[in-house]
Amino acid sequence: MATLPVFRWRLAPDGYATRRQLRARGLRPGGQGVAATLERPRRRRGPLVAHLYRVDLAKPVRPMTPGRWAALAKANAARRVCPQCRRDAGYVIPTSLGTCVPCAYPGPGGPEGST
């Protein structure tokens, strides 16, 4: 089995890109394997590693269908509903709290808030 080429930080040749760079160009890896790795050295730990893909083998990003848009909207709406009081918080519930802010830090007036 052949080993992958390893490039140092900022020294990868043209024709290779990370997933984010592909996405910025409107592309996706499209089933191809990792073509090379990019290493950024660090002082006291192992290097940061990024996987590189060949741009010429990348495929265009699939367009969003109406069904996918609806599923995404439903998932984002579910992230706004507090599991404790079952109200729409108006923002995405922080995972660190697990509930909306009034439920996590109830004031003298209860979860409705003190104002």
PDB file of N, CA and C in Angstrom:
ATOM      1  N   MET A   1       0.833  -1.176   0.000  1.00  0.00           N
ATOM      2  CA  MET A   1       0.000   0.000   0.000  1.00  0.00           C
ATOM      3  C   MET A   1       0.881   1.244   0.000  1.00  0.00           C
ATOM      4  N   ALA A   2       0.573   2.182  -0.862  1.00  0.00           N
ATOM      5  CA  ALA A   2       1.368   3.403  -0.980  1.00  0.00           C
ATOM      6  C   ALA A   2       0.991   4.372   0.130  1.00  0.00           C
ATOM      7  N   THR A   3       1.975   5.112   0.590  1.00  0.00           N
ATOM      8  CA  THR A   3       1.701   6.117   1.612  1.00  0.00           C
ATOM      9  C   THR A   3       1.270   7.422   0.954  1.00  0.00           C
ATOM     10  N   LEU A   4       0.549   8.214   1.707  1.00  0.00           N
ATOM     11  CA  LEU A   4       0.076   9.494   1.191  1.00  0.00           C
ATOM     12  C   LEU A   4       1.192  10.518   1.234  1.00  0.00           C
ATOM     13  N   PRO A   5       1.245  11.415   0.248  1.00  0.00           N
ATOM     14  CA  PRO A   5       2.220  12.498   0.344  1.00  0.00           C
ATOM     15  C   PRO A   5       1.857  13.451   1.483  1.00  0.00           C
ATOM     16  N   VAL A   6       2.873  13.952   2.145  1.00  0.00           N
ATOM     17  CA  VAL A   6       2.686  14.868   3.266  1.00  0.00           C
ATOM     18  C   VAL A   6       3.343  16.188   2.901  1.00  0.00           C
ATOM     19  N   PHE A   7       2.560  17.274   3.008  1.00  0.00           N
ATOM     20  CA  PHE A   7       3.072  18.612   2.705  1.00  0.00           C
ATOM     21  C   PHE A   7       3.086  19.432   3.983  1.00  0.00           C
ATOM     22  N   ARG A   8       4.029  20.354   4.063  1.00  0.00           N
ATOM     23  CA  ARG A   8       4.071  21.260   5.204  1.00  0.00           C
ATOM     24  C   ARG A   8       3.048  22.363   5.003  1.00  0.00           C
ATOM     25  N   TRP A   9       2.729  23.029   6.103  1.00  0.00           N
ATOM     26  CA  TRP A   9       1.728  24.090   6.115  1.00  0.00           C
ATOM     27  C   TRP A   9       2.016  25.141   5.049  1.00  0.00           C
ATOM     28  N   ARG A  10       1.017  25.487   4.273  1.00  0.00           N
ATOM     29  CA  ARG A  10       1.069  26.484   3.202  1.00  0.00           C
ATOM     30  C   ARG A  10       1.966  26.103   2.024  1.00  0.00           C
ATOM     31  N   LEU A  11       2.396  24.848   1.943  1.00  0.00           N
ATOM     32  CA  LEU A  11       3.272  24.443   0.846  1.00  0.00           C
ATOM     33  C   LEU A  11       2.660  23.352  -0.024  1.00  0.00           C
ATOM     34  N   ALA A  12       1.350  23.189   0.020  1.00  0.00           N
ATOM     35  CA  ALA A  12       0.698  22.194  -0.833  1.00  0.00           C
ATOM     36  C   ALA A  12       0.648  22.720  -2.261  1.00  0.00           C
ATOM     37  N   PRO A  13       0.884  21.859  -3.241  1.00  0.00           N
ATOM     38  CA  PRO A  13       0.839  22.314  -4.634  1.00  0.00           C
ATOM     39  C   PRO A  13      -0.593  22.589  -5.087  1.00  0.00           C
ATOM     40  N   ASP A  14      -0.715  23.297  -6.193  1.00  0.00           N
ATOM     41  CA  ASP A  14      -2.037  23.547  -6.770  1.00  0.00           C
ATOM     42  C   ASP A  14      -2.667  22.217  -7.158  1.00  0.00           C
ATOM     43  N   GLY A  15      -3.987  22.180  -7.130  1.00  0.00           N
ATOM     44  CA  GLY A  15      -4.693  20.964  -7.478  1.00  0.00           C
ATOM     45  C   GLY A  15      -5.161  20.172  -6.279  1.00  0.00           C
ATOM     46  N   TYR A  16      -4.764  20.584  -5.071  1.00  0.00           N
ATOM     47  CA  TYR A  16      -5.223  19.955  -3.836  1.00  0.00           C
ATOM     48  C   TYR A  16      -5.997  20.990  -3.024  1.00  0.00           C
ATOM     49  N   ALA A  17      -7.011  20.518  -2.291  1.00  0.00           N
ATOM     50  CA  ALA A  17      -7.796  21.421  -1.461  1.00  0.00           C
ATOM     51  C   ALA A  17      -8.407  20.638  -0.302  1.00  0.00           C
ATOM     52  N   THR A  18      -8.654  21.347   0.796  1.00  0.00           N
ATOM     53  CA  THR A  18      -9.337  20.747   1.934  1.00  0.00           C
ATOM     54  C   THR A  18     -10.842  20.733   1.644  1.00  0.00           C
ATOM     55  N   ARG A  19     -11.605  20.095   2.507  1.00  0.00           N
ATOM     56  CA  ARG A  19     -13.066  20.064   2.333  1.00  0.00           C
ATOM     57  C   ARG A  19     -13.648  21.476   2.330  1.00  0.00           C
ATOM     58  N   ARG A  20     -13.178  22.315   3.239  1.00  0.00           N
ATOM     59  CA  ARG A  20     -13.696  23.677   3.294  1.00  0.00           C
ATOM     60  C   ARG A  20     -13.351  24.461   2.028  1.00  0.00           C
ATOM     61  N   GLN A  21     -12.160  24.269   1.526  1.00  0.00           N
ATOM     62  CA  GLN A  21     -11.772  24.964   0.301  1.00  0.00           C
ATOM     63  C   GLN A  21     -12.591  24.465  -0.881  1.00  0.00           C
ATOM     64  N   LEU A  22     -12.867  23.154  -0.922  1.00  0.00           N
ATOM     65  CA  LEU A  22     -13.722  22.622  -1.978  1.00  0.00           C
ATOM     66  C   LEU A  22     -15.113  23.222  -1.876  1.00  0.00           C
ATOM     67  N   ARG A  23     -15.649  23.278  -0.666  1.00  0.00           N
ATOM     68  CA  ARG A  23     -16.996  23.803  -0.466  1.00  0.00           C
ATOM     69  C   ARG A  23     -17.077  25.270  -0.884  1.00  0.00           C
ATOM     70  N   ALA A  24     -16.032  26.042  -0.623  1.00  0.00           N
ATOM     71  CA  ALA A  24     -16.010  27.452  -1.018  1.00  0.00           C
ATOM     72  C   ALA A  24     -16.052  27.593  -2.534  1.00  0.00           C
ATOM     73  N   ARG A  25     -15.579  26.586  -3.243  1.00  0.00           N
ATOM     74  CA  ARG A  25     -15.616  26.594  -4.712  1.00  0.00           C
ATOM     75  C   ARG A  25     -16.883  25.942  -5.252  1.00  0.00           C
ATOM     76  N   GLY A  26     -17.770  25.495  -4.361  1.00  0.00           N
ATOM     77  CA  GLY A  26     -18.993  24.837  -4.806  1.00  0.00           C
ATOM     78  C   GLY A  26     -18.775  23.384  -5.187  1.00  0.00           C
ATOM     79  N   LEU A  27     -17.768  22.752  -4.579  1.00  0.00           N
ATOM     80  CA  LEU A  27     -17.441  21.360  -4.891  1.00  0.00           C
ATOM     81  C   LEU A  27     -17.500  20.509  -3.640  1.00  0.00           C
ATOM     82  N   ARG A  28     -17.469  19.195  -3.823  1.00  0.00           N
ATOM     83  CA  ARG A  28     -17.411  18.217  -2.741  1.00  0.00           C
ATOM     84  C   ARG A  28     -16.448  17.121  -3.159  1.00  0.00           C
ATOM     85  N   PRO A  29     -15.899  16.357  -2.210  1.00  0.00           N
ATOM     86  CA  PRO A  29     -14.947  15.301  -2.588  1.00  0.00           C
ATOM     87  C   PRO A  29     -15.542  14.274  -3.548  1.00  0.00           C
ATOM     88  N   GLY A  30     -16.810  13.972  -3.419  1.00  0.00           N
ATOM     89  CA  GLY A  30     -17.467  13.094  -4.389  1.00  0.00           C
ATOM     90  C   GLY A  30     -17.017  11.649  -4.320  1.00  0.00           C
ATOM     91  N   GLY A  31     -16.729  11.127  -3.144  1.00  0.00           N
ATOM     92  CA  GLY A  31     -16.379   9.722  -3.005  1.00  0.00           C
ATOM     93  C   GLY A  31     -14.903   9.412  -3.130  1.00  0.00           C
ATOM     94  N   GLN A  32     -14.106  10.357  -3.526  1.00  0.00           N
ATOM     95  CA  GLN A  32     -12.668  10.096  -3.630  1.00  0.00           C
ATOM     96  C   GLN A  32     -12.033  10.029  -2.254  1.00  0.00           C
ATOM     97  N   GLY A  33     -10.995   9.283  -2.140  1.00  0.00           N
ATOM     98  CA  GLY A  33     -10.285   9.177  -0.874  1.00  0.00           C
ATOM     99  C   GLY A  33      -9.359  10.349  -0.658  1.00  0.00           C
ATOM    100  N   VAL A  34      -8.755  10.387   0.506  1.00  0.00           N
ATOM    101  CA  VAL A  34      -7.790  11.441   0.814  1.00  0.00           C
ATOM    102  C   VAL A  34      -6.588  11.268  -0.096  1.00  0.00           C
ATOM    103  N   ALA A  35      -6.191  12.348  -0.774  1.00  0.00           N
ATOM    104  CA  ALA A  35      -5.085  12.275  -1.730  1.00  0.00           C
ATOM    105  C   ALA A  35      -3.750  12.645  -1.089  1.00  0.00           C
ATOM    106  N   ALA A  36      -3.776  13.485  -0.064  1.00  0.00           N
ATOM    107  CA  ALA A  36      -2.547  13.916   0.603  1.00  0.00           C
ATOM    108  C   ALA A  36      -2.916  14.486   1.964  1.00  0.00           C
ATOM    109  N   THR A  37      -1.922  14.723   2.768  1.00  0.00           N
ATOM    110  CA  THR A  37      -2.151  15.365   4.062  1.00  0.00           C
ATOM    111  C   THR A  37      -1.283  16.604   4.169  1.00  0.00           C
ATOM    112  N   LEU A  38      -1.755  17.510   4.992  1.00  0.00           N
ATOM    113  CA  LEU A  38      -1.061  18.760   5.227  1.00  0.00           C
ATOM    114  C   LEU A  38      -0.771  18.822   6.717  1.00  0.00           C
ATOM    115  N   GLU A  39       0.457  19.103   7.095  1.00  0.00           N
ATOM    116  CA  GLU A  39       0.828  19.133   8.505  1.00  0.00           C
ATOM    117  C   GLU A  39       1.297  20.518   8.906  1.00  0.00           C
ATOM    118  N   ARG A  40       0.749  20.981  10.033  1.00  0.00           N
ATOM    119  CA  ARG A  40       1.173  22.248  10.602  1.00  0.00           C
ATOM    120  C   ARG A  40       1.874  21.935  11.916  1.00  0.00           C
ATOM    121  N   PRO A  41       3.168  22.179  12.000  1.00  0.00           N
ATOM    122  CA  PRO A  41       3.891  21.824  13.229  1.00  0.00           C
ATOM    123  C   PRO A  41       3.453  22.679  14.417  1.00  0.00           C
ATOM    124  N   ARG A  42       3.520  22.052  15.603  1.00  0.00           N
ATOM    125  CA  ARG A  42       3.254  22.747  16.855  1.00  0.00           C
ATOM    126  C   ARG A  42       4.424  22.481  17.791  1.00  0.00           C
ATOM    127  N   ARG A  43       4.595  23.316  18.788  1.00  0.00           N
ATOM    128  CA  ARG A  43       5.791  23.226  19.630  1.00  0.00           C
ATOM    129  C   ARG A  43       5.811  22.015  20.545  1.00  0.00           C
ATOM    130  N   ARG A  44       4.800  21.859  21.359  1.00  0.00           N
ATOM    131  CA  ARG A  44       4.867  20.821  22.383  1.00  0.00           C
ATOM    132  C   ARG A  44       3.922  19.652  22.124  1.00  0.00           C
ATOM    133  N   ARG A  45       3.255  19.643  21.001  1.00  0.00           N
ATOM    134  CA  ARG A  45       2.321  18.560  20.692  1.00  0.00           C
ATOM    135  C   ARG A  45       2.571  18.089  19.267  1.00  0.00           C
ATOM    136  N   GLY A  46       1.843  17.075  18.873  1.00  0.00           N
ATOM    137  CA  GLY A  46       1.957  16.588  17.513  1.00  0.00           C
ATOM    138  C   GLY A  46       1.417  17.603  16.521  1.00  0.00           C
ATOM    139  N   PRO A  47       1.725  17.448  15.257  1.00  0.00           N
ATOM    140  CA  PRO A  47       1.294  18.443  14.271  1.00  0.00           C
ATOM    141  C   PRO A  47      -0.212  18.373  14.025  1.00  0.00           C
ATOM    142  N   LEU A  48      -0.780  19.508  13.627  1.00  0.00           N
ATOM    143  CA  LEU A  48      -2.160  19.541  13.160  1.00  0.00           C
ATOM    144  C   LEU A  48      -2.186  18.966  11.761  1.00  0.00           C
ATOM    145  N   VAL A  49      -3.140  18.117  11.484  1.00  0.00           N
ATOM    146  CA  VAL A  49      -3.200  17.434  10.200  1.00  0.00           C
ATOM    147  C   VAL A  49      -4.497  17.800   9.485  1.00  0.00           C
ATOM    148  N   ALA A  50      -4.398  18.129   8.210  1.00  0.00           N
ATOM    149  CA  ALA A  50      -5.564  18.391   7.369  1.00  0.00           C
ATOM    150  C   ALA A  50      -5.500  17.448   6.172  1.00  0.00           C
ATOM    151  N   HIS A  51      -6.651  16.920   5.808  1.00  0.00           N
ATOM    152  CA  HIS A  51      -6.711  16.024   4.656  1.00  0.00           C
ATOM    153  C   HIS A  51      -6.947  16.846   3.391  1.00  0.00           C
ATOM    154  N   LEU A  52      -6.233  16.487   2.344  1.00  0.00           N
ATOM    155  CA  LEU A  52      -6.356  17.184   1.069  1.00  0.00           C
ATOM    156  C   LEU A  52      -6.981  16.256   0.029  1.00  0.00           C
ATOM    157  N   TYR A  53      -7.802  16.839  -0.838  1.00  0.00           N
ATOM    158  CA  TYR A  53      -8.464  16.100  -1.908  1.00  0.00           C
ATOM    159  C   TYR A  53      -8.077  16.727  -3.240  1.00  0.00           C
ATOM    160  N   ARG A  54      -8.123  15.933  -4.289  1.00  0.00           N
ATOM    161  CA  ARG A  54      -7.792  16.447  -5.619  1.00  0.00           C
ATOM    162  C   ARG A  54      -8.969  17.241  -6.166  1.00  0.00           C
ATOM    163  N   VAL A  55      -8.681  18.431  -6.654  1.00  0.00           N
ATOM    164  CA  VAL A  55      -9.723  19.317  -7.169  1.00  0.00           C
ATOM    165  C   VAL A  55     -10.273  18.790  -8.483  1.00  0.00           C
ATOM    166  N   ASP A  56      -9.429  18.176  -9.316  1.00  0.00           N
ATOM    167  CA  ASP A  56      -9.895  17.710 -10.621  1.00  0.00           C
ATOM    168  C   ASP A  56     -10.861  16.526 -10.515  1.00  0.00           C
ATOM    169  N   LEU A  57     -10.845  15.793  -9.395  1.00  0.00           N
ATOM    170  CA  LEU A  57     -11.763  14.678  -9.195  1.00  0.00           C
ATOM    171  C   LEU A  57     -13.003  15.066  -8.392  1.00  0.00           C
ATOM    172  N   ALA A  58     -13.051  16.303  -7.902  1.00  0.00           N
ATOM    173  CA  ALA A  58     -14.181  16.755  -7.087  1.00  0.00           C
ATOM    174  C   ALA A  58     -15.416  16.937  -7.964  1.00  0.00           C
ATOM    175  N   LYS A  59     -16.571  16.778  -7.335  1.00  0.00           N
ATOM    176  CA  LYS A  59     -17.849  16.912  -8.033  1.00  0.00           C
ATOM    177  C   LYS A  59     -18.596  18.130  -7.504  1.00  0.00           C
ATOM    178  N   PRO A  60     -19.547  18.644  -8.276  1.00  0.00           N
ATOM    179  CA  PRO A  60     -20.314  19.793  -7.793  1.00  0.00           C
ATOM    180  C   PRO A  60     -21.183  19.415  -6.591  1.00  0.00           C
ATOM    181  N   VAL A  61     -21.447  20.392  -5.734  1.00  0.00           N
ATOM    182  CA  VAL A  61     -22.312  20.189  -4.576  1.00  0.00           C
ATOM    183  C   VAL A  61     -23.736  19.936  -5.064  1.00  0.00           C
ATOM    184  N   ARG A  62     -24.404  18.985  -4.424  1.00  0.00           N
ATOM    185  CA  ARG A  62     -25.788  18.691  -4.796  1.00  0.00           C
ATOM    186  C   ARG A  62     -26.681  19.848  -4.366  1.00  0.00           C
ATOM    187  N   PRO A  63     -27.626  20.249  -5.203  1.00  0.00           N
ATOM    188  CA  PRO A  63     -28.498  21.366  -4.816  1.00  0.00           C
ATOM    189  C   PRO A  63     -29.504  20.928  -3.749  1.00  0.00           C
ATOM    190  N   MET A  64     -29.931  21.894  -2.947  1.00  0.00           N
ATOM    191  CA  MET A  64     -30.930  21.627  -1.921  1.00  0.00           C
ATOM    192  C   MET A  64     -32.304  21.484  -2.575  1.00  0.00           C
ATOM    193  N   THR A  65     -33.004  20.424  -2.225  1.00  0.00           N
ATOM    194  CA  THR A  65     -34.356  20.203  -2.723  1.00  0.00           C
ATOM    195  C   THR A  65     -35.346  20.821  -1.737  1.00  0.00           C
ATOM    196  N   PRO A  66     -36.591  21.024  -2.155  1.00  0.00           N
ATOM    197  CA  PRO A  66     -37.580  21.557  -1.215  1.00  0.00           C
ATOM    198  C   PRO A  66     -37.764  20.678   0.025  1.00  0.00           C
ATOM    199  N   GLY A  67     -37.676  19.378  -0.129  1.00  0.00           N
ATOM    200  CA  GLY A  67     -37.800  18.479   1.016  1.00  0.00           C
ATOM    201  C   GLY A  67     -36.647  18.640   1.993  1.00  0.00           C
ATOM    202  N   ARG A  68     -35.427  18.810   1.468  1.00  0.00           N
ATOM    203  CA  ARG A  68     -34.269  19.017   2.339  1.00  0.00           C
ATOM    204  C   ARG A  68     -34.357  20.363   3.058  1.00  0.00           C
ATOM    205  N   TRP A  69     -34.841  21.413   2.354  1.00  0.00           N
ATOM    206  CA  TRP A  69     -35.024  22.710   2.991  1.00  0.00           C
ATOM    207  C   TRP A  69     -36.033  22.593   4.127  1.00  0.00           C
ATOM    208  N   ALA A  70     -37.136  21.861   3.900  1.00  0.00           N
ATOM    209  CA  ALA A  70     -38.167  21.700   4.925  1.00  0.00           C
ATOM    210  C   ALA A  70     -37.617  20.943   6.135  1.00  0.00           C
ATOM    211  N   ALA A  71     -36.844  19.884   5.892  1.00  0.00           N
ATOM    212  CA  ALA A  71     -36.269  19.113   6.989  1.00  0.00           C
ATOM    213  C   ALA A  71     -35.294  19.961   7.801  1.00  0.00           C
ATOM    214  N   LEU A  72     -34.501  20.780   7.140  1.00  0.00           N
ATOM    215  CA  LEU A  72     -33.556  21.651   7.828  1.00  0.00           C
ATOM    216  C   LEU A  72     -34.292  22.699   8.667  1.00  0.00           C
ATOM    217  N   ALA A  73     -35.350  23.279   8.120  1.00  0.00           N
ATOM    218  CA  ALA A  73     -36.132  24.262   8.871  1.00  0.00           C
ATOM    219  C   ALA A  73     -36.778  23.629  10.100  1.00  0.00           C
ATOM    220  N   LYS A  74     -37.283  22.404   9.966  1.00  0.00           N
ATOM    221  CA  LYS A  74     -37.905  21.710  11.093  1.00  0.00           C
ATOM    222  C   LYS A  74     -36.876  21.390  12.181  1.00  0.00           C
ATOM    223  N   ALA A  75     -35.683  20.968  11.784  1.00  0.00           N
ATOM    224  CA  ALA A  75     -34.625  20.663  12.757  1.00  0.00           C
ATOM    225  C   ALA A  75     -34.180  21.922  13.489  1.00  0.00           C
ATOM    226  N   ASN A  76     -34.044  23.039  12.773  1.00  0.00           N
ATOM    227  CA  ASN A  76     -33.641  24.287  13.418  1.00  0.00           C
ATOM    228  C   ASN A  76     -34.729  24.808  14.352  1.00  0.00           C
ATOM    229  N   ALA A  77     -36.000  24.618  13.981  1.00  0.00           N
ATOM    230  CA  ALA A  77     -37.094  25.032  14.853  1.00  0.00           C
ATOM    231  C   ALA A  77     -37.108  24.207  16.131  1.00  0.00           C
ATOM    232  N   ALA A  78     -36.773  22.924  16.036  1.00  0.00           N
ATOM    233  CA  ALA A  78     -36.752  22.058  17.214  1.00  0.00           C
ATOM    234  C   ALA A  78     -35.651  22.470  18.183  1.00  0.00           C
ATOM    235  N   ARG A  79     -34.586  23.046  17.691  1.00  0.00           N
ATOM    236  CA  ARG A  79     -33.488  23.487  18.557  1.00  0.00           C
ATOM    237  C   ARG A  79     -33.851  24.732  19.347  1.00  0.00           C
ATOM    238  N   ARG A  80     -34.943  25.410  18.962  1.00  0.00           N
ATOM    239  CA  ARG A  80     -35.359  26.632  19.649  1.00  0.00           C
ATOM    240  C   ARG A  80     -36.380  26.379  20.749  1.00  0.00           C
ATOM    241  N   VAL A  81     -36.978  25.194  20.798  1.00  0.00           N
ATOM    242  CA  VAL A  81     -38.018  24.889  21.779  1.00  0.00           C
ATOM    243  C   VAL A  81     -37.381  24.362  23.059  1.00  0.00           C
ATOM    244  N   CYS A  82     -37.733  24.975  24.173  1.00  0.00           N
ATOM    245  CA  CYS A  82     -37.201  24.571  25.469  1.00  0.00           C
ATOM    246  C   CYS A  82     -37.838  23.242  25.880  1.00  0.00           C
ATOM    247  N   PRO A  83     -37.043  22.234  26.262  1.00  0.00           N
ATOM    248  CA  PRO A  83     -37.626  20.958  26.660  1.00  0.00           C
ATOM    249  C   PRO A  83     -38.354  21.015  28.009  1.00  0.00           C
ATOM    250  N   GLN A  84     -38.105  22.048  28.800  1.00  0.00           N
ATOM    251  CA  GLN A  84     -38.731  22.135  30.118  1.00  0.00           C
ATOM    252  C   GLN A  84     -40.077  22.856  30.056  1.00  0.00           C
ATOM    253  N   CYS A  85     -40.101  24.042  29.459  1.00  0.00           N
ATOM    254  CA  CYS A  85     -41.352  24.811  29.432  1.00  0.00           C
ATOM    255  C   CYS A  85     -42.087  24.704  28.090  1.00  0.00           C
ATOM    256  N   ARG A  86     -41.492  24.061  27.111  1.00  0.00           N
ATOM    257  CA  ARG A  86     -42.101  23.813  25.798  1.00  0.00           C
ATOM    258  C   ARG A  86     -42.466  25.081  25.030  1.00  0.00           C
ATOM    259  N   ARG A  87     -41.739  26.170  25.276  1.00  0.00           N
ATOM    260  CA  ARG A  87     -41.973  27.404  24.532  1.00  0.00           C
ATOM    261  C   ARG A  87     -40.830  27.659  23.569  1.00  0.00           C
ATOM    262  N   ASP A  88     -41.144  28.400  22.494  1.00  0.00           N
ATOM    263  CA  ASP A  88     -40.108  28.818  21.555  1.00  0.00           C
ATOM    264  C   ASP A  88     -39.310  29.930  22.232  1.00  0.00           C
ATOM    265  N   ALA A  89     -38.017  29.680  22.426  1.00  0.00           N
ATOM    266  CA  ALA A  89     -37.178  30.642  23.140  1.00  0.00           C
ATOM    267  C   ALA A  89     -36.819  31.850  22.285  1.00  0.00           C
ATOM    268  N   GLY A  90     -36.940  31.745  20.968  1.00  0.00           N
ATOM    269  CA  GLY A  90     -36.549  32.841  20.095  1.00  0.00           C
ATOM    270  C   GLY A  90     -35.080  32.789  19.719  1.00  0.00           C
ATOM    271  N   TYR A  91     -34.367  31.780  20.224  1.00  0.00           N
ATOM    272  CA  TYR A  91     -32.948  31.575  19.931  1.00  0.00           C
ATOM    273  C   TYR A  91     -32.669  30.085  20.087  1.00  0.00           C
ATOM    274  N   VAL A  92     -31.527  29.645  19.606  1.00  0.00           N
ATOM    275  CA  VAL A  92     -31.148  28.243  19.752  1.00  0.00           C
ATOM    276  C   VAL A  92     -30.769  27.996  21.205  1.00  0.00           C
ATOM    277  N   ILE A  93     -31.363  26.963  21.802  1.00  0.00           N
ATOM    278  CA  ILE A  93     -31.111  26.638  23.204  1.00  0.00           C
ATOM    279  C   ILE A  93     -29.654  26.213  23.360  1.00  0.00           C
ATOM    280  N   PRO A  94     -28.894  26.818  24.274  1.00  0.00           N
ATOM    281  CA  PRO A  94     -27.501  26.420  24.473  1.00  0.00           C
ATOM    282  C   PRO A  94     -27.422  24.988  25.015  1.00  0.00           C
ATOM    283  N   THR A  95     -26.553  24.182  24.452  1.00  0.00           N
ATOM    284  CA  THR A  95     -26.403  22.804  24.927  1.00  0.00           C
ATOM    285  C   THR A  95     -25.784  22.774  26.319  1.00  0.00           C
ATOM    286  N   SER A  96     -25.060  23.825  26.687  1.00  0.00           N
ATOM    287  CA  SER A  96     -24.471  23.857  28.026  1.00  0.00           C
ATOM    288  C   SER A  96     -25.545  23.994  29.107  1.00  0.00           C
ATOM    289  N   LEU A  97     -26.665  24.623  28.769  1.00  0.00           N
ATOM    290  CA  LEU A  97     -27.757  24.780  29.728  1.00  0.00           C
ATOM    291  C   LEU A  97     -28.786  23.664  29.585  1.00  0.00           C
ATOM    292  N   GLY A  98     -29.116  23.317  28.356  1.00  0.00           N
ATOM    293  CA  GLY A  98     -30.121  22.284  28.111  1.00  0.00           C
ATOM    294  C   GLY A  98     -31.536  22.808  28.144  1.00  0.00           C
ATOM    295  N   THR A  99     -31.737  24.024  28.637  1.00  0.00           N
ATOM    296  CA  THR A  99     -33.045  24.668  28.686  1.00  0.00           C
ATOM    297  C   THR A  99     -32.861  26.133  28.312  1.00  0.00           C
ATOM    298  N   CYS A 100     -33.994  26.840  28.206  1.00  0.00           N
ATOM    299  CA  CYS A 100     -33.897  28.272  27.923  1.00  0.00           C
ATOM    300  C   CYS A 100     -33.328  28.970  29.162  1.00  0.00           C
ATOM    301  N   VAL A 101     -32.872  30.171  28.992  1.00  0.00           N
ATOM    302  CA  VAL A 101     -32.230  30.904  30.087  1.00  0.00           C
ATOM    303  C   VAL A 101     -33.183  31.139  31.261  1.00  0.00           C
ATOM    304  N   PRO A 102     -34.449  31.543  31.045  1.00  0.00           N
ATOM    305  CA  PRO A 102     -35.339  31.711  32.205  1.00  0.00           C
ATOM    306  C   PRO A 102     -35.568  30.419  32.991  1.00  0.00           C
ATOM    307  N   CYS A 103     -35.587  29.261  32.321  1.00  0.00           N
ATOM    308  CA  CYS A 103     -35.753  27.993  33.037  1.00  0.00           C
ATOM    309  C   CYS A 103     -34.463  27.593  33.755  1.00  0.00           C
ATOM    310  N   ALA A 104     -33.323  27.907  33.154  1.00  0.00           N
ATOM    311  CA  ALA A 104     -32.057  27.547  33.762  1.00  0.00           C
ATOM    312  C   ALA A 104     -31.739  28.420  34.971  1.00  0.00           C
ATOM    313  N   TYR A 105     -32.108  29.697  34.898  1.00  0.00           N
ATOM    314  CA  TYR A 105     -31.856  30.640  35.994  1.00  0.00           C
ATOM    315  C   TYR A 105     -33.176  31.327  36.365  1.00  0.00           C
ATOM    316  N   PRO A 106     -34.056  30.607  37.051  1.00  0.00           N
ATOM    317  CA  PRO A 106     -35.362  31.223  37.379  1.00  0.00           C
ATOM    318  C   PRO A 106     -35.192  32.361  38.380  1.00  0.00           C
ATOM    319  N   GLY A 107     -35.887  33.437  38.091  1.00  0.00           N
ATOM    320  CA  GLY A 107     -35.889  34.578  38.995  1.00  0.00           C
ATOM    321  C   GLY A 107     -36.984  34.418  40.028  1.00  0.00           C
ATOM    322  N   PRO A 108     -37.295  35.484  40.749  1.00  0.00           N
ATOM    323  CA  PRO A 108     -38.343  35.420  41.774  1.00  0.00           C
ATOM    324  C   PRO A 108     -39.718  35.136  41.183  1.00  0.00           C
ATOM    325  N   GLY A 109     -39.925  35.458  39.903  1.00  0.00           N
ATOM    326  CA  GLY A 109     -41.223  35.238  39.276  1.00  0.00           C
ATOM    327  C   GLY A 109     -41.351  33.876  38.622  1.00  0.00           C
ATOM    328  N   GLY A 110     -40.372  32.997  38.766  1.00  0.00           N
ATOM    329  CA  GLY A 110     -40.427  31.675  38.154  1.00  0.00           C
ATOM    330  C   GLY A 110     -39.825  31.706  36.759  1.00  0.00           C
ATOM    331  N   PRO A 111     -40.094  30.674  35.939  1.00  0.00           N
ATOM    332  CA  PRO A 111     -39.503  30.600  34.606  1.00  0.00           C
ATOM    333  C   PRO A 111     -39.987  31.687  33.663  1.00  0.00           C
ATOM    334  N   GLU A 112     -41.095  32.372  34.019  1.00  0.00           N
ATOM    335  CA  GLU A 112     -41.579  33.442  33.145  1.00  0.00           C
ATOM    336  C   GLU A 112     -40.635  34.634  33.162  1.00  0.00           C
ATOM    337  N   GLY A 113     -39.787  34.723  34.171  1.00  0.00           N
ATOM    338  CA  GLY A 113     -38.832  35.822  34.271  1.00  0.00           C
ATOM    339  C   GLY A 113     -39.286  36.832  35.319  1.00  0.00           C
ATOM    340  N   SER A 114     -38.374  37.676  35.669  1.00  0.00           N
ATOM    341  CA  SER A 114     -38.669  38.654  36.724  1.00  0.00           C
ATOM    342  C   SER A 114     -39.103  39.992  36.168  1.00  0.00           C
ATOM    343  N   THR A 115     -39.155  40.140  34.841  1.00  0.00           N
ATOM    344  CA  THR A 115     -39.544  41.431  34.280  1.00  0.00           C
ATOM    345  C   THR A 115     -40.971  41.419  33.844  1.00  0.00           C
TER     346      THR A 115
END
